[in-house]
PDB file of N, CA and C in Angstrom:
ATOM      1  N   ARG A   1     121.611 -17.064 126.085  1.00  0.00           N
ATOM      2  CA  ARG A   1     121.981 -15.990 124.986  1.00  0.00           C
ATOM      3  C   ARG A   1     121.638 -16.509 123.868  1.00  0.00           C
ATOM      4  N   LEU A   2     120.564 -17.352 123.943  1.00  0.00           N
ATOM      5  CA  LEU A   2     119.228 -17.320 122.842  1.00  0.00           C
ATOM      6  C   LEU A   2     118.229 -17.669 123.082  1.00  0.00           C
ATOM      7  N   SER A   3     117.800 -17.313 124.870  1.00  0.00           N
ATOM      8  CA  SER A   3     117.149 -16.751 125.066  1.00  0.00           C
ATOM      9  C   SER A   3     117.309 -14.333 124.978  1.00  0.00           C
ATOM     10  N   LEU A   4     118.495 -14.380 124.973  1.00  0.00           N
ATOM     11  CA  LEU A   4     118.400 -12.380 124.789  1.00  0.00           C
ATOM     12  C   LEU A   4     118.305 -12.322 123.215  1.00  0.00           C
ATOM     13  N   VAL A   5     117.739 -13.579 122.003  1.00  0.00           N
ATOM     14  CA  VAL A   5     118.605 -13.892 120.632  1.00  0.00           C
ATOM     15  C   VAL A   5     116.675 -13.357 120.599  1.00  0.00           C
ATOM     16  N   GLU A   6     116.299 -14.792 121.653  1.00  0.00           N
ATOM     17  CA  GLU A   6     114.439 -14.764 121.059  1.00  0.00           C
ATOM     18  C   GLU A   6     113.974 -13.787 121.658  1.00  0.00           C
ATOM     19  N   LYS A   7     114.603 -12.446 122.844  1.00  0.00           N
ATOM     20  CA  LYS A   7     113.808 -11.886 123.068  1.00  0.00           C
ATOM     21  C   LYS A   7     113.704 -10.148 121.973  1.00  0.00           C
ATOM     22  N   ARG A   8     115.296 -10.544 122.234  1.00  0.00           N
ATOM     23  CA  ARG A   8     115.871  -9.470 120.728  1.00  0.00           C
ATOM     24  C   ARG A   8     114.275  -9.982 119.716  1.00  0.00           C
ATOM     25  N   LEU A   9     114.611 -11.190 119.153  1.00  0.00           N
ATOM     26  CA  LEU A   9     113.546 -11.728 117.690  1.00  0.00           C
ATOM     27  C   LEU A   9     111.902 -10.765 118.114  1.00  0.00           C
ATOM     28  N   SER A  10     110.945 -10.928 119.597  1.00  0.00           N
ATOM     29  CA  SER A  10     110.362 -10.809 119.470  1.00  0.00           C
ATOM     30  C   SER A  10     109.788  -8.581 119.420  1.00  0.00           C
ATOM     31  N   LEU A  11     110.740  -8.757 120.254  1.00  0.00           N
ATOM     32  CA  LEU A  11     110.227  -7.200 120.300  1.00  0.00           C
ATOM     33  C   LEU A  11     110.605  -6.853 118.834  1.00  0.00           C
ATOM     34  N   VAL A  12     111.300  -6.788 117.826  1.00  0.00           N
ATOM     35  CA  VAL A  12     111.478  -6.867 116.091  1.00  0.00           C
ATOM     36  C   VAL A  12     110.814  -7.440 115.569  1.00  0.00           C
ATOM     37  N   GLU A  13     109.787  -8.495 116.350  1.00  0.00           N
ATOM     38  CA  GLU A  13     108.616  -8.463 116.091  1.00  0.00           C
ATOM     39  C   GLU A  13     107.144  -7.802 115.454  1.00  0.00           C
ATOM     40  N   LYS A  14     107.580  -7.166 117.158  1.00  0.00           N
ATOM     41  CA  LYS A  14     106.418  -6.632 117.751  1.00  0.00           C
ATOM     42  C   LYS A  14     106.787  -5.160 116.800  1.00  0.00           C
ATOM     43  N   TRP A  15     108.265  -4.824 116.830  1.00  0.00           N
ATOM     44  CA  TRP A  15     107.766  -3.544 116.607  1.00  0.00           C
ATOM     45  C   TRP A  15     107.672  -4.020 115.106  1.00  0.00           C
ATOM     46  N   LEU A  16     107.829  -3.953 114.128  1.00  0.00           N
ATOM     47  CA  LEU A  16     107.246  -4.619 112.373  1.00  0.00           C
ATOM     48  C   LEU A  16     106.562  -4.582 112.314  1.00  0.00           C
ATOM     49  N   SER A  17     105.263  -5.543 113.720  1.00  0.00           N
ATOM     50  CA  SER A  17     104.251  -5.336 113.267  1.00  0.00           C
ATOM     51  C   SER A  17     103.671  -3.692 113.489  1.00  0.00           C
ATOM     52  N   LEU A  18     104.029  -3.195 114.163  1.00  0.00           N
ATOM     53  CA  LEU A  18     103.571  -1.511 114.960  1.00  0.00           C
ATOM     54  C   LEU A  18     103.833  -0.856 113.698  1.00  0.00           C
ATOM     55  N   VAL A  19     104.986  -0.608 112.999  1.00  0.00           N
ATOM     56  CA  VAL A  19     105.248  -0.689 111.797  1.00  0.00           C
ATOM     57  C   VAL A  19     103.936  -0.738 110.370  1.00  0.00           C
ATOM     58  N   GLU A  20     104.093  -2.078 110.721  1.00  0.00           N
ATOM     59  CA  GLU A  20     103.146  -2.958 109.670  1.00  0.00           C
ATOM     60  C   GLU A  20     101.747  -1.762 109.977  1.00  0.00           C
ATOM     61  N   LYS A  21     101.056  -1.283 111.048  1.00  0.00           N
ATOM     62  CA  LYS A  21      99.732  -1.385 111.401  1.00  0.00           C
ATOM     63  C   LYS A  21     100.287   0.277 111.195  1.00  0.00           C
ATOM     64  N   ARG A  22     101.076   0.913 110.997  1.00  0.00           N
ATOM     65  CA  ARG A  22     101.029   2.247 110.813  1.00  0.00           C
ATOM     66  C   ARG A  22     101.817   2.587 109.559  1.00  0.00           C
ATOM     67  N   LEU A  23     101.843   1.823 108.646  1.00  0.00           N
ATOM     68  CA  LEU A  23     101.990   1.700 107.276  1.00  0.00           C
ATOM     69  C   LEU A  23     100.923   1.923 106.720  1.00  0.00           C
ATOM     70  N   SER A  24      99.762   0.937 107.002  1.00  0.00           N
ATOM     71  CA  SER A  24      97.855   0.796 106.809  1.00  0.00           C
ATOM     72  C   SER A  24      97.718   1.522 107.373  1.00  0.00           C
ATOM     73  N   LEU A  25      97.612   2.753 108.232  1.00  0.00           N
ATOM     74  CA  LEU A  25      96.420   3.845 108.382  1.00  0.00           C
ATOM     75  C   LEU A  25      97.104   4.523 107.344  1.00  0.00           C
ATOM     76  N   GLU A  26      98.442   5.089 107.767  1.00  0.00           N
ATOM     77  CA  GLU A  26      98.923   5.672 106.175  1.00  0.00           C
ATOM     78  C   GLU A  26      98.543   5.559 104.573  1.00  0.00           C
ATOM     79  N   GLU A  27      98.989   4.454 104.625  1.00  0.00           N
ATOM     80  CA  GLU A  27      97.249   3.756 103.082  1.00  0.00           C
ATOM     81  C   GLU A  27      96.586   4.245 103.417  1.00  0.00           C
ATOM     82  N   LYS A  28      95.634   3.708 103.649  1.00  0.00           N
ATOM     83  CA  LYS A  28      94.520   4.880 104.489  1.00  0.00           C
ATOM     84  C   LYS A  28      94.157   6.070 104.386  1.00  0.00           C
ATOM     85  N   ARG A  29      95.210   7.485 105.178  1.00  0.00           N
ATOM     86  CA  ARG A  29      94.647   8.367 105.052  1.00  0.00           C
ATOM     87  C   ARG A  29      95.310   8.240 103.335  1.00  0.00           C
ATOM     88  N   LEU A  30      95.834   8.098 102.541  1.00  0.00           N
ATOM     89  CA  LEU A  30      96.902   8.618 101.145  1.00  0.00           C
ATOM     90  C   LEU A  30      95.028   7.701 100.250  1.00  0.00           C
ATOM     91  N   SER A  31      95.100   7.097 100.639  1.00  0.00           N
ATOM     92  CA  SER A  31      93.305   6.505 100.095  1.00  0.00           C
ATOM     93  C   SER A  31      92.196   7.753 100.321  1.00  0.00           C
ATOM     94  N   LEU A  32      91.795   8.089 101.448  1.00  0.00           N
ATOM     95  CA  LEU A  32      91.180   9.564 101.326  1.00  0.00           C
ATOM     96  C   LEU A  32      92.004  10.653 101.047  1.00  0.00           C
ATOM     97  N   VAL A  33      93.581  10.715 101.282  1.00  0.00           N
ATOM     98  CA  VAL A  33      93.579  12.463 100.520  1.00  0.00           C
ATOM     99  C   VAL A  33      93.522  11.844  98.785  1.00  0.00           C
ATOM    100  N   GLU A  34      93.299  10.846  98.052  1.00  0.00           N
ATOM    101  CA  GLU A  34      93.740  10.960  97.590  1.00  0.00           C
ATOM    102  C   GLU A  34      91.796  11.586  96.876  1.00  0.00           C
ATOM    103  N   LYS A  35      91.303  10.643  96.918  1.00  0.00           N
ATOM    104  CA  LYS A  35      89.843  10.995  96.790  1.00  0.00           C
ATOM    105  C   LYS A  35      89.325  12.464  97.490  1.00  0.00           C
ATOM    106  N   ARG A  36      89.844  13.169  97.915  1.00  0.00           N
ATOM    107  CA  ARG A  36      89.521  14.504  98.520  1.00  0.00           C
ATOM    108  C   ARG A  36      89.712  15.605  97.198  1.00  0.00           C
ATOM    109  N   LEU A  37      91.285  14.972  97.077  1.00  0.00           N
ATOM    110  CA  LEU A  37      92.127  15.551  95.810  1.00  0.00           C
ATOM    111  C   LEU A  37      91.183  15.298  94.402  1.00  0.00           C
ATOM    112  N   SER A  38      90.361  14.280  93.702  1.00  0.00           N
ATOM    113  CA  SER A  38      89.392  13.665  93.044  1.00  0.00           C
ATOM    114  C   SER A  38      88.822  14.771  93.408  1.00  0.00           C
ATOM    115  N   LEU A  39      87.792  14.263  94.100  1.00  0.00           N
ATOM    116  CA  LEU A  39      86.760  15.830  94.379  1.00  0.00           C
ATOM    117  C   LEU A  39      87.031  16.515  94.219  1.00  0.00           C
ATOM    118  N   VAL A  40      88.020  17.182  94.785  1.00  0.00           N
ATOM    119  CA  VAL A  40      88.417  18.893  94.654  1.00  0.00           C
ATOM    120  C   VAL A  40      89.174  18.903  93.096  1.00  0.00           C
ATOM    121  N   GLU A  41      89.474  18.151  92.612  1.00  0.00           N
ATOM    122  CA  GLU A  41      89.874  18.074  90.936  1.00  0.00           C
ATOM    123  C   GLU A  41      88.515  17.994  89.840  1.00  0.00           C
ATOM    124  N   LYS A  42      86.978  17.379  90.538  1.00  0.00           N
ATOM    125  CA  LYS A  42      86.312  17.430  90.028  1.00  0.00           C
ATOM    126  C   LYS A  42      85.370  19.266  89.054  1.00  0.00           C
ATOM    127  N   ARG A  43      85.463  19.449  91.153  1.00  0.00           N
ATOM    128  CA  ARG A  43      85.103  19.879  91.785  1.00  0.00           C
ATOM    129  C   ARG A  43      85.991  21.693  90.761  1.00  0.00           C
ATOM    130  N   LEU A  44      86.690  20.887  90.286  1.00  0.00           N
ATOM    131  CA  LEU A  44      87.380  22.873  89.886  1.00  0.00           C
ATOM    132  C   LEU A  44      87.115  22.532  88.654  1.00  0.00           C
ATOM    133  N   SER A  45      87.188  21.294  87.757  1.00  0.00           N
ATOM    134  CA  SER A  45      86.467  21.534  86.628  1.00  0.00           C
ATOM    135  C   SER A  45      85.327  21.530  86.049  1.00  0.00           C
ATOM    136  N   LEU A  46      84.257  22.122  86.955  1.00  0.00           N
ATOM    137  CA  LEU A  46      83.135  21.604  87.775  1.00  0.00           C
ATOM    138  C   LEU A  46      82.911  23.742  86.767  1.00  0.00           C
ATOM    139  N   ALA A  47      84.004  24.928  87.995  1.00  0.00           N
ATOM    140  CA  ALA A  47      83.740  25.510  88.377  1.00  0.00           C
ATOM    141  C   ALA A  47      84.067  26.707  87.009  1.00  0.00           C
ATOM    142  N   GLU A  48      85.438  25.712  86.299  1.00  0.00           N
ATOM    143  CA  GLU A  48      86.491  26.481  84.998  1.00  0.00           C
ATOM    144  C   GLU A  48      85.328  25.792  83.698  1.00  0.00           C
ATOM    145  N   LYS A  49      84.225  25.199  84.032  1.00  0.00           N
ATOM    146  CA  LYS A  49      83.355  25.637  82.842  1.00  0.00           C
ATOM    147  C   LYS A  49      82.253  26.732  83.244  1.00  0.00           C
ATOM    148  N   ARG A  50      81.400  25.911  84.381  1.00  0.00           N
ATOM    149  CA  ARG A  50      80.989  27.599  84.801  1.00  0.00           C
ATOM    150  C   ARG A  50      81.576  28.961  84.618  1.00  0.00           C
ATOM    151  N   ARG A  51      82.891  29.065  84.629  1.00  0.00           N
ATOM    152  CA  ARG A  51      83.505  30.200  84.009  1.00  0.00           C
ATOM    153  C   ARG A  51      83.384  30.464  82.606  1.00  0.00           C
ATOM    154  N   SER A  52      83.580  29.934  81.867  1.00  0.00           N
ATOM    155  CA  SER A  52      83.390  29.440  80.735  1.00  0.00           C
ATOM    156  C   SER A  52      82.475  29.305  79.824  1.00  0.00           C
ATOM    157  N   MET A  53      81.303  29.031  80.977  1.00  0.00           N
ATOM    158  CA  MET A  53      80.109  29.550  80.291  1.00  0.00           C
ATOM    159  C   MET A  53      78.999  30.689  80.490  1.00  0.00           C
ATOM    160  N   ALA A  54      79.975  31.165  81.924  1.00  0.00           N
ATOM    161  CA  ALA A  54      79.599  32.692  81.838  1.00  0.00           C
ATOM    162  C   ALA A  54      80.407  33.969  81.912  1.00  0.00           C
ATOM    163  N   GLU A  55      81.444  33.258  80.580  1.00  0.00           N
ATOM    164  CA  GLU A  55      81.963  34.431  79.831  1.00  0.00           C
ATOM    165  C   GLU A  55      81.392  34.489  78.440  1.00  0.00           C
ATOM    166  N   LYS A  56      80.703  32.953  78.207  1.00  0.00           N
ATOM    167  CA  LYS A  56      80.558  33.180  76.721  1.00  0.00           C
ATOM    168  C   LYS A  56      79.094  34.404  76.986  1.00  0.00           C
ATOM    169  N   ARG A  57      79.061  33.715  77.323  1.00  0.00           N
ATOM    170  CA  ARG A  57      77.353  34.742  78.151  1.00  0.00           C
ATOM    171  C   ARG A  57      77.477  36.252  77.822  1.00  0.00           C
ATOM    172  N   LEU A  58      78.570  37.326  79.037  1.00  0.00           N
ATOM    173  CA  LEU A  58      78.776  37.669  78.878  1.00  0.00           C
ATOM    174  C   LEU A  58      78.631  38.746  78.051  1.00  0.00           C
ATOM    175  N   GLY A  59      80.283  37.774  76.953  1.00  0.00           N
ATOM    176  CA  GLY A  59      80.123  38.347  75.160  1.00  0.00           C
ATOM    177  C   GLY A  59      79.343  38.428  74.655  1.00  0.00           C
ATOM    178  N   PHE A  60      78.327  37.378  74.742  1.00  0.00           N
ATOM    179  CA  PHE A  60      76.522  36.927  73.896  1.00  0.00           C
ATOM    180  C   PHE A  60      76.305  38.856  74.778  1.00  0.00           C
ATOM    181  N   LEU A  61      76.358  38.831  75.779  1.00  0.00           N
ATOM    182  CA  LEU A  61      75.056  39.783  76.024  1.00  0.00           C
ATOM    183  C   LEU A  61      75.639  41.448  75.863  1.00  0.00           C
ATOM    184  N   GLU A  62      77.529  41.449  75.893  1.00  0.00           N
ATOM    185  CA  GLU A  62      78.118  42.778  76.058  1.00  0.00           C
ATOM    186  C   GLU A  62      77.200  42.851  74.199  1.00  0.00           C
ATOM    187  N   LYS A  63      77.113  41.908  73.666  1.00  0.00           N
ATOM    188  CA  LYS A  63      76.998  42.273  71.813  1.00  0.00           C
ATOM    189  C   LYS A  63      75.285  42.716  71.326  1.00  0.00           C
ATOM    190  N   ARG A  64      74.506  41.922  72.843  1.00  0.00           N
ATOM    191  CA  ARG A  64      73.384  42.337  72.520  1.00  0.00           C
ATOM    192  C   ARG A  64      73.149  43.534  73.106  1.00  0.00           C
ATOM    193  N   LEU A  65      73.699  44.632  73.734  1.00  0.00           N
ATOM    194  CA  LEU A  65      73.700  46.502  74.350  1.00  0.00           C
ATOM    195  C   LEU A  65      74.791  46.680  73.253  1.00  0.00           C
ATOM    196  N   ILE A  66      75.189  46.166  73.203  1.00  0.00           N
ATOM    197  CA  ILE A  66      75.803  47.357  71.502  1.00  0.00           C
ATOM    198  C   ILE A  66      75.100  46.906  70.005  1.00  0.00           C
ATOM    199  N   LEU A  67      74.061  45.845  70.004  1.00  0.00           N
ATOM    200  CA  LEU A  67      73.124  46.014  69.256  1.00  0.00           C
ATOM    201  C   LEU A  67      72.348  47.557  70.366  1.00  0.00           C
ATOM    202  N   VAL A  68      71.275  47.080  70.995  1.00  0.00           N
ATOM    203  CA  VAL A  68      70.296  47.693  71.519  1.00  0.00           C
ATOM    204  C   VAL A  68      70.986  49.307  71.775  1.00  0.00           C
ATOM    205  N   GLU A  69      72.447  49.501  72.220  1.00  0.00           N
ATOM    206  CA  GLU A  69      72.512  50.933  71.544  1.00  0.00           C
ATOM    207  C   GLU A  69      72.874  51.662  70.611  1.00  0.00           C
ATOM    208  N   THR A  70      72.927  50.843  69.264  1.00  0.00           N
ATOM    209  CA  THR A  70      72.805  51.070  67.961  1.00  0.00           C
ATOM    210  C   THR A  70      71.689  51.505  67.511  1.00  0.00           C
ATOM    211  N   ARG A  71      70.242  50.424  68.261  1.00  0.00           N
ATOM    212  CA  ARG A  71      68.756  50.827  67.793  1.00  0.00           C
ATOM    213  C   ARG A  71      68.440  51.777  68.480  1.00  0.00           C
ATOM    214  N   LEU A  72      69.307  52.548  70.114  1.00  0.00           N
ATOM    215  CA  LEU A  72      68.742  53.461  70.653  1.00  0.00           C
ATOM    216  C   LEU A  72      69.117  54.545  69.749  1.00  0.00           C
ATOM    217  N   ASN A  73      70.564  54.667  69.482  1.00  0.00           N
ATOM    218  CA  ASN A  73      70.622  56.070  68.340  1.00  0.00           C
ATOM    219  C   ASN A  73      70.213  55.664  66.897  1.00  0.00           C
ATOM    220  N   VAL A  74      69.484  55.152  66.827  1.00  0.00           N
ATOM    221  CA  VAL A  74      68.763  55.304  65.062  1.00  0.00           C
ATOM    222  C   VAL A  74      67.021  55.942  65.879  1.00  0.00           C
ATOM    223  N   VAL A  75      66.871  55.313  67.327  1.00  0.00           N
ATOM    224  CA  VAL A  75      65.498  55.896  67.554  1.00  0.00           C
ATOM    225  C   VAL A  75      65.541  56.987  67.956  1.00  0.00           C
ATOM    226  N   GLU A  76      66.795  57.585  68.545  1.00  0.00           N
ATOM    227  CA  GLU A  76      66.738  58.999  69.145  1.00  0.00           C
ATOM    228  C   GLU A  76      67.229  60.068  67.710  1.00  0.00           C
ATOM    229  N   LYS A  77      67.649  59.312  67.406  1.00  0.00           N
ATOM    230  CA  LYS A  77      67.703  60.307  65.368  1.00  0.00           C
ATOM    231  C   LYS A  77      66.266  60.489  64.952  1.00  0.00           C
ATOM    232  N   ARG A  78      65.731  59.012  64.422  1.00  0.00           N
ATOM    233  CA  ARG A  78      63.952  59.859  64.418  1.00  0.00           C
ATOM    234  C   ARG A  78      63.314  60.333  64.436  1.00  0.00           C
ATOM    235  N   LEU A  79      63.547  60.271  66.261  1.00  0.00           N
ATOM    236  CA  LEU A  79      62.155  60.967  66.907  1.00  0.00           C
ATOM    237  C   LEU A  79      62.919  62.533  66.815  1.00  0.00           C
ATOM    238  N   SER A  80      64.453  62.567  66.867  1.00  0.00           N
ATOM    239  CA  SER A  80      65.058  64.023  66.509  1.00  0.00           C
ATOM    240  C   SER A  80      64.319  65.011  65.240  1.00  0.00           C
ATOM    241  N   LEU A  81      64.441  63.960  64.155  1.00  0.00           N
ATOM    242  CA  LEU A  81      63.629  64.650  62.852  1.00  0.00           C
ATOM    243  C   LEU A  81      62.691  64.552  63.124  1.00  0.00           C
ATOM    244  N   VAL A  82      61.077  63.757  63.803  1.00  0.00           N
ATOM    245  CA  VAL A  82      60.344  63.827  63.684  1.00  0.00           C
ATOM    246  C   VAL A  82      59.976  64.932  64.469  1.00  0.00           C
ATOM    247  N   GLU A  83      60.817  65.320  65.494  1.00  0.00           N
ATOM    248  CA  GLU A  83      60.914  66.976  66.185  1.00  0.00           C
ATOM    249  C   GLU A  83      60.904  67.824  65.721  1.00  0.00           C
ATOM    250  N   LYS A  84      61.755  67.759  64.939  1.00  0.00           N
ATOM    251  CA  LYS A  84      62.163  68.794  63.636  1.00  0.00           C
ATOM    252  C   LYS A  84      60.748  69.175  62.971  1.00  0.00           C
ATOM    253  N   TRP A  85      60.672  67.511  62.702  1.00  0.00           N
ATOM    254  CA  TRP A  85      59.652  68.084  61.149  1.00  0.00           C
ATOM    255  C   TRP A  85      57.732  68.729  61.834  1.00  0.00           C
ATOM    256  N   LEU A  86      57.576  68.655  63.171  1.00  0.00           N
ATOM    257  CA  LEU A  86      56.530  69.105  63.496  1.00  0.00           C
ATOM    258  C   LEU A  86      56.839  70.380  64.540  1.00  0.00           C
ATOM    259  N   SER A  87      57.555  70.428  63.988  1.00  0.00           N
ATOM    260  CA  SER A  87      58.488  71.469  64.286  1.00  0.00           C
ATOM    261  C   SER A  87      57.970  72.904  63.816  1.00  0.00           C
ATOM    262  N   LEU A  88      58.303  72.251  61.932  1.00  0.00           N
ATOM    263  CA  LEU A  88      58.301  73.051  60.507  1.00  0.00           C
ATOM    264  C   LEU A  88      56.776  73.156  60.604  1.00  0.00           C
ATOM    265  N   VAL A  89      55.573  71.994  61.012  1.00  0.00           N
ATOM    266  CA  VAL A  89      54.460  71.477  60.873  1.00  0.00           C
ATOM    267  C   VAL A  89      53.629  72.518  61.784  1.00  0.00           C
ATOM    268  N   GLU A  90      54.375  72.939  62.641  1.00  0.00           N
ATOM    269  CA  GLU A  90      53.788  74.283  63.989  1.00  0.00           C
ATOM    270  C   GLU A  90      53.649  75.050  62.836  1.00  0.00           C
ATOM    271  N   LYS A  91      54.964  75.256  62.765  1.00  0.00           N
ATOM    272  CA  LYS A  91      54.751  76.268  62.072  1.00  0.00           C
ATOM    273  C   LYS A  91      53.890  77.122  60.614  1.00  0.00           C
ATOM    274  N   ARG A  92      54.110  76.070  60.125  1.00  0.00           N
ATOM    275  CA  ARG A  92      53.498  76.293  59.395  1.00  0.00           C
ATOM    276  C   ARG A  92      51.809  76.195  58.759  1.00  0.00           C
ATOM    277  N   LEU A  93      51.349  75.444  59.939  1.00  0.00           N
ATOM    278  CA  LEU A  93      49.840  75.876  60.685  1.00  0.00           C
ATOM    279  C   LEU A  93      49.899  77.023  61.323  1.00  0.00           C
ATOM    280  N   GLY A  94      50.272  77.405  62.318  1.00  0.00           N
ATOM    281  CA  GLY A  94      50.968  78.904  62.511  1.00  0.00           C
ATOM    282  C   GLY A  94      50.290  80.589  61.338  1.00  0.00           C
ATOM    283  N   PHE A  95      50.826  80.007  60.499  1.00  0.00           N
ATOM    284  CA  PHE A  95      51.602  81.014  59.097  1.00  0.00           C
ATOM    285  C   PHE A  95      50.108  80.350  58.916  1.00  0.00           C
ATOM    286  N   LEU A  96      49.766  79.829  58.359  1.00  0.00           N
ATOM    287  CA  LEU A  96      47.901  79.510  57.699  1.00  0.00           C
ATOM    288  C   LEU A  96      46.899  79.341  58.682  1.00  0.00           C
ATOM    289  N   GLU A  97      47.429  79.985  60.171  1.00  0.00           N
ATOM    290  CA  GLU A  97      46.473  80.041  60.442  1.00  0.00           C
ATOM    291  C   GLU A  97      46.246  81.959  60.685  1.00  0.00           C
ATOM    292  N   LYS A  98      47.361  82.557  60.737  1.00  0.00           N
ATOM    293  CA  LYS A  98      47.203  84.371  60.623  1.00  0.00           C
ATOM    294  C   LYS A  98      46.867  84.380  59.253  1.00  0.00           C
ATOM    295  N   ARG A  99      46.735  83.563  57.791  1.00  0.00           N
ATOM    296  CA  ARG A  99      46.517  84.058  57.151  1.00  0.00           C
ATOM    297  C   ARG A  99      45.172  84.190  56.626  1.00  0.00           C
ATOM    298  N   LEU A 100      44.245  82.555  57.563  1.00  0.00           N
ATOM    299  CA  LEU A 100      43.086  82.402  56.919  1.00  0.00           C
ATOM    300  C   LEU A 100      43.106  83.657  58.039  1.00  0.00           C
ATOM    301  N   SER A 101      42.727  84.595  59.005  1.00  0.00           N
ATOM    302  CA  SER A 101      42.044  85.009  60.102  1.00  0.00           C
ATOM    303  C   SER A 101      42.265  86.765  59.150  1.00  0.00           C
TER     304      SER A 101
END
């Protein structure tokens, strides 16, 4: 009877040892997963910062585009005025040339 109890005790100790080893392995896996999670969180943070910077740069570029378009419109209007003035000067020159001849 004592022998049976000792055998059962031995089996329970072996089982406990196996469970402790498994627990140790699971704790190591958990540690690795936590490290991976930390790395992913850092990458996510960097990606969010890059996105934020890209959005700011896009906003800045959109404002620059509006300014350039405005300047282009002004230049086009001035060019149109210069072309009209040139046309008037050419007509007057033609009129003066006719009077001189």
